[in-house]
Amino acid sequence: MLAESKVTDTQAFAVGHRVLGLQFHMEATEESVRALLKGAAHEIGYGVFEQQPDTILAGVNHCASLRPLLDTVLARLTGFAGRGR
C-alpha cells in the first residue's frame, strides 16, 4: 500500500514495478477541476465516497502540488517499462 485516506485504507497501491493502482487523480489541474464542476456539479456528491462540490473547490489549490508527483510517477513507470521487467 502506498497511500490511504479517511475513506479507504487503499488509496494507492503497487504490485511489483509495473502495476500502480490509484483512487485519485494526480493529473487534475485547477482548470480541469473548475471545468468539471462547472459542467457536472449537479451530478457530483451523491455517492457515499464522493466529496461535495464545495469541498472539492475548497481543495483545488492542492492540484499544483500534485504535478511533481505525477511527473515522478510517470518517469519511474516508463523507466521500469524500458527494462523489460
N, C-alpha and C. Protein backbone atom coordinates (compact mmCIF):
# COMPACT_ATOMS: atom_id res chain seq x y z
N MET A 1 0.83 -1.17 0.00
CA MET A 1 0.00 0.00 0.00
C MET A 1 0.89 1.25 0.00
N LEU A 2 0.49 2.22 -0.78
CA LEU A 2 1.28 3.44 -0.90
C LEU A 2 0.60 4.65 -0.28
N ALA A 3 -0.73 4.64 -0.22
CA ALA A 3 -1.45 5.80 0.34
C ALA A 3 -2.78 5.34 0.90
N GLU A 4 -3.25 6.07 1.89
CA GLU A 4 -4.55 5.80 2.49
C GLU A 4 -5.24 7.12 2.77
N SER A 5 -6.52 7.06 3.07
CA SER A 5 -7.28 8.27 3.38
C SER A 5 -8.29 7.96 4.47
N LYS A 6 -9.06 8.94 4.86
CA LYS A 6 -10.11 8.73 5.86
C LYS A 6 -11.19 7.79 5.32
N VAL A 7 -11.34 7.77 4.01
CA VAL A 7 -12.40 6.98 3.39
C VAL A 7 -11.98 5.54 3.14
N THR A 8 -10.73 5.32 2.74
CA THR A 8 -10.30 3.96 2.38
C THR A 8 -8.85 3.70 2.80
N ASP A 9 -8.59 2.47 3.17
CA ASP A 9 -7.23 2.06 3.53
C ASP A 9 -6.34 1.96 2.30
N THR A 10 -6.95 1.81 1.14
CA THR A 10 -6.19 1.59 -0.09
C THR A 10 -6.45 2.72 -1.08
N GLN A 11 -5.77 3.82 -0.90
CA GLN A 11 -5.90 4.97 -1.80
C GLN A 11 -4.96 4.81 -2.99
N ALA A 12 -3.84 4.12 -2.78
CA ALA A 12 -2.89 3.82 -3.85
C ALA A 12 -2.11 2.57 -3.47
N PHE A 13 -1.78 1.75 -4.49
CA PHE A 13 -1.01 0.54 -4.23
C PHE A 13 -0.16 0.21 -5.44
N ALA A 14 0.85 -0.60 -5.22
CA ALA A 14 1.72 -1.07 -6.30
C ALA A 14 1.88 -2.57 -6.18
N VAL A 15 2.01 -3.20 -7.34
CA VAL A 15 2.32 -4.63 -7.41
C VAL A 15 3.58 -4.72 -8.26
N GLY A 16 4.67 -5.04 -7.64
CA GLY A 16 5.93 -5.05 -8.37
C GLY A 16 6.31 -3.66 -8.84
N HIS A 17 6.96 -3.60 -9.99
CA HIS A 17 7.44 -2.33 -10.52
C HIS A 17 6.59 -1.81 -11.68
N ARG A 18 5.60 -2.60 -12.12
CA ARG A 18 4.88 -2.20 -13.33
C ARG A 18 3.39 -2.03 -13.16
N VAL A 19 2.87 -2.23 -11.96
CA VAL A 19 1.44 -2.07 -11.73
C VAL A 19 1.23 -1.04 -10.63
N LEU A 20 0.44 -0.03 -10.94
CA LEU A 20 0.14 1.04 -9.99
C LEU A 20 -1.36 1.27 -10.00
N GLY A 21 -1.99 1.19 -8.84
CA GLY A 21 -3.42 1.44 -8.71
C GLY A 21 -3.63 2.71 -7.90
N LEU A 22 -4.45 3.60 -8.43
CA LEU A 22 -4.71 4.89 -7.77
C LEU A 22 -6.21 5.12 -7.63
N GLN A 23 -6.61 5.68 -6.51
CA GLN A 23 -8.01 6.06 -6.27
C GLN A 23 -8.12 7.57 -6.20
N PHE A 24 -7.31 8.27 -6.98
CA PHE A 24 -7.35 9.73 -7.03
C PHE A 24 -6.76 10.17 -8.36
N HIS A 25 -6.85 11.43 -8.65
CA HIS A 25 -6.45 11.95 -9.96
C HIS A 25 -5.26 12.90 -9.83
N MET A 26 -4.07 12.36 -10.02
CA MET A 26 -2.87 13.20 -9.98
C MET A 26 -2.81 14.15 -11.17
N GLU A 27 -3.51 13.83 -12.24
CA GLU A 27 -3.46 14.65 -13.44
C GLU A 27 -4.35 15.89 -13.36
N ALA A 28 -5.17 15.99 -12.31
CA ALA A 28 -6.09 17.11 -12.19
C ALA A 28 -5.34 18.44 -12.05
N THR A 29 -5.83 19.43 -12.76
CA THR A 29 -5.32 20.79 -12.63
C THR A 29 -6.44 21.65 -12.08
N GLU A 30 -6.09 22.82 -11.58
CA GLU A 30 -7.13 23.72 -11.08
C GLU A 30 -8.14 24.01 -12.20
N GLU A 31 -7.63 24.21 -13.40
CA GLU A 31 -8.52 24.49 -14.53
C GLU A 31 -9.45 23.31 -14.83
N SER A 32 -8.92 22.09 -14.82
CA SER A 32 -9.75 20.93 -15.14
C SER A 32 -10.80 20.67 -14.06
N VAL A 33 -10.44 20.90 -12.80
CA VAL A 33 -11.39 20.71 -11.71
C VAL A 33 -12.51 21.75 -11.80
N ARG A 34 -12.14 22.98 -12.05
CA ARG A 34 -13.17 24.03 -12.20
C ARG A 34 -14.09 23.74 -13.38
N ALA A 35 -13.53 23.25 -14.49
CA ALA A 35 -14.34 22.92 -15.66
C ALA A 35 -15.28 21.75 -15.34
N LEU A 36 -14.79 20.75 -14.64
CA LEU A 36 -15.62 19.62 -14.25
C LEU A 36 -16.79 20.09 -13.38
N LEU A 37 -16.48 20.92 -12.40
CA LEU A 37 -17.53 21.41 -11.51
C LEU A 37 -18.53 22.30 -12.24
N LYS A 38 -18.04 23.07 -13.18
CA LYS A 38 -18.94 23.94 -13.96
C LYS A 38 -19.93 23.10 -14.77
N GLY A 39 -19.46 22.03 -15.35
CA GLY A 39 -20.30 21.22 -16.21
C GLY A 39 -21.07 20.11 -15.53
N ALA A 40 -20.60 19.67 -14.36
CA ALA A 40 -21.22 18.48 -13.77
C ALA A 40 -21.44 18.55 -12.26
N ALA A 41 -21.38 19.73 -11.67
CA ALA A 41 -21.53 19.84 -10.22
C ALA A 41 -22.85 19.22 -9.74
N HIS A 42 -23.88 19.30 -10.56
CA HIS A 42 -25.18 18.75 -10.18
C HIS A 42 -25.18 17.22 -10.12
N GLU A 43 -24.14 16.58 -10.66
CA GLU A 43 -24.04 15.12 -10.65
C GLU A 43 -23.07 14.59 -9.60
N ILE A 44 -22.38 15.48 -8.92
CA ILE A 44 -21.30 15.11 -8.01
C ILE A 44 -21.75 15.26 -6.56
N GLY A 45 -21.31 14.32 -5.72
CA GLY A 45 -21.52 14.45 -4.29
C GLY A 45 -22.64 13.62 -3.72
N TYR A 46 -23.23 12.75 -4.52
CA TYR A 46 -24.35 11.94 -4.03
C TYR A 46 -23.93 10.55 -3.58
N GLY A 47 -22.75 10.10 -4.00
CA GLY A 47 -22.27 8.79 -3.60
C GLY A 47 -21.67 8.83 -2.20
N VAL A 48 -21.60 7.67 -1.58
CA VAL A 48 -21.09 7.55 -0.22
C VAL A 48 -19.67 8.09 -0.11
N PHE A 49 -18.86 7.85 -1.15
CA PHE A 49 -17.45 8.22 -1.09
C PHE A 49 -17.13 9.47 -1.92
N GLU A 50 -18.14 10.18 -2.39
CA GLU A 50 -17.92 11.37 -3.20
C GLU A 50 -17.90 12.62 -2.34
N GLN A 51 -16.99 13.51 -2.66
CA GLN A 51 -16.95 14.80 -1.98
C GLN A 51 -17.99 15.73 -2.59
N GLN A 52 -18.47 16.63 -1.78
CA GLN A 52 -19.39 17.66 -2.25
C GLN A 52 -18.62 18.66 -3.11
N PRO A 53 -19.28 19.26 -4.11
CA PRO A 53 -18.60 20.24 -4.97
C PRO A 53 -17.89 21.35 -4.20
N ASP A 54 -18.50 21.86 -3.14
CA ASP A 54 -17.86 22.92 -2.35
C ASP A 54 -16.57 22.44 -1.69
N THR A 55 -16.55 21.19 -1.25
CA THR A 55 -15.35 20.62 -0.65
C THR A 55 -14.25 20.46 -1.70
N ILE A 56 -14.64 20.00 -2.87
CA ILE A 56 -13.68 19.86 -3.97
C ILE A 56 -13.08 21.22 -4.32
N LEU A 57 -13.93 22.21 -4.46
CA LEU A 57 -13.46 23.55 -4.81
C LEU A 57 -12.54 24.13 -3.74
N ALA A 58 -12.83 23.84 -2.48
CA ALA A 58 -12.00 24.36 -1.39
C ALA A 58 -10.59 23.76 -1.42
N GLY A 59 -10.43 22.57 -2.02
CA GLY A 59 -9.12 21.93 -2.07
C GLY A 59 -8.42 22.05 -3.41
N VAL A 60 -8.97 22.86 -4.31
CA VAL A 60 -8.42 22.95 -5.66
C VAL A 60 -6.97 23.45 -5.66
N ASN A 61 -6.57 24.14 -4.63
CA ASN A 61 -5.18 24.63 -4.55
C ASN A 61 -4.17 23.50 -4.42
N HIS A 62 -4.60 22.30 -4.09
CA HIS A 62 -3.69 21.16 -3.97
C HIS A 62 -3.26 20.61 -5.34
N CYS A 63 -3.97 20.97 -6.37
CA CYS A 63 -3.68 20.43 -7.71
C CYS A 63 -2.24 20.72 -8.14
N ALA A 64 -1.78 21.92 -7.92
CA ALA A 64 -0.42 22.30 -8.36
C ALA A 64 0.64 21.44 -7.67
N SER A 65 0.39 21.05 -6.43
CA SER A 65 1.38 20.24 -5.72
C SER A 65 1.41 18.80 -6.21
N LEU A 66 0.40 18.38 -6.96
CA LEU A 66 0.37 17.01 -7.47
C LEU A 66 1.21 16.83 -8.74
N ARG A 67 1.46 17.91 -9.46
CA ARG A 67 2.18 17.80 -10.73
C ARG A 67 3.57 17.18 -10.58
N PRO A 68 4.39 17.62 -9.61
CA PRO A 68 5.70 16.96 -9.45
C PRO A 68 5.57 15.47 -9.12
N LEU A 69 4.56 15.11 -8.35
CA LEU A 69 4.33 13.70 -8.04
C LEU A 69 3.97 12.93 -9.30
N LEU A 70 3.08 13.49 -10.12
CA LEU A 70 2.71 12.86 -11.38
C LEU A 70 3.93 12.68 -12.28
N ASP A 71 4.75 13.71 -12.40
CA ASP A 71 5.95 13.62 -13.23
C ASP A 71 6.88 12.52 -12.73
N THR A 72 7.06 12.42 -11.43
CA THR A 72 7.93 11.40 -10.85
C THR A 72 7.39 10.00 -11.09
N VAL A 73 6.10 9.82 -10.86
CA VAL A 73 5.48 8.51 -11.07
C VAL A 73 5.61 8.07 -12.52
N LEU A 74 5.29 8.97 -13.44
CA LEU A 74 5.37 8.62 -14.86
C LEU A 74 6.80 8.33 -15.30
N ALA A 75 7.74 9.10 -14.79
CA ALA A 75 9.15 8.86 -15.13
C ALA A 75 9.61 7.49 -14.63
N ARG A 76 9.21 7.15 -13.44
CA ARG A 76 9.60 5.84 -12.89
C ARG A 76 8.92 4.70 -13.63
N LEU A 77 7.65 4.87 -13.94
CA LEU A 77 6.95 3.81 -14.66
C LEU A 77 7.53 3.59 -16.06
N THR A 78 7.83 4.66 -16.74
CA THR A 78 8.40 4.50 -18.07
C THR A 78 9.81 3.95 -18.00
N GLY A 79 10.55 4.27 -16.95
CA GLY A 79 11.87 3.71 -16.76
C GLY A 79 11.82 2.21 -16.52
N PHE A 80 10.85 1.78 -15.71
CA PHE A 80 10.70 0.34 -15.45
C PHE A 80 10.27 -0.38 -16.70
N ALA A 81 9.38 0.21 -17.48
CA ALA A 81 8.88 -0.45 -18.68
C ALA A 81 10.01 -0.69 -19.67
N GLY A 82 10.98 0.22 -19.71
CA GLY A 82 12.10 0.09 -20.64
C GLY A 82 13.09 -0.99 -20.25
N ARG A 83 12.99 -1.48 -19.03
CA ARG A 83 13.94 -2.50 -18.56
C ARG A 83 13.45 -3.92 -18.82
N GLY A 84 12.22 -4.06 -19.31
CA GLY A 84 11.70 -5.39 -19.64
C GLY A 84 11.40 -6.26 -18.43
N ARG A 85 11.05 -5.64 -17.31
CA ARG A 85 10.73 -6.40 -16.10
C ARG A 85 9.31 -6.92 -16.13
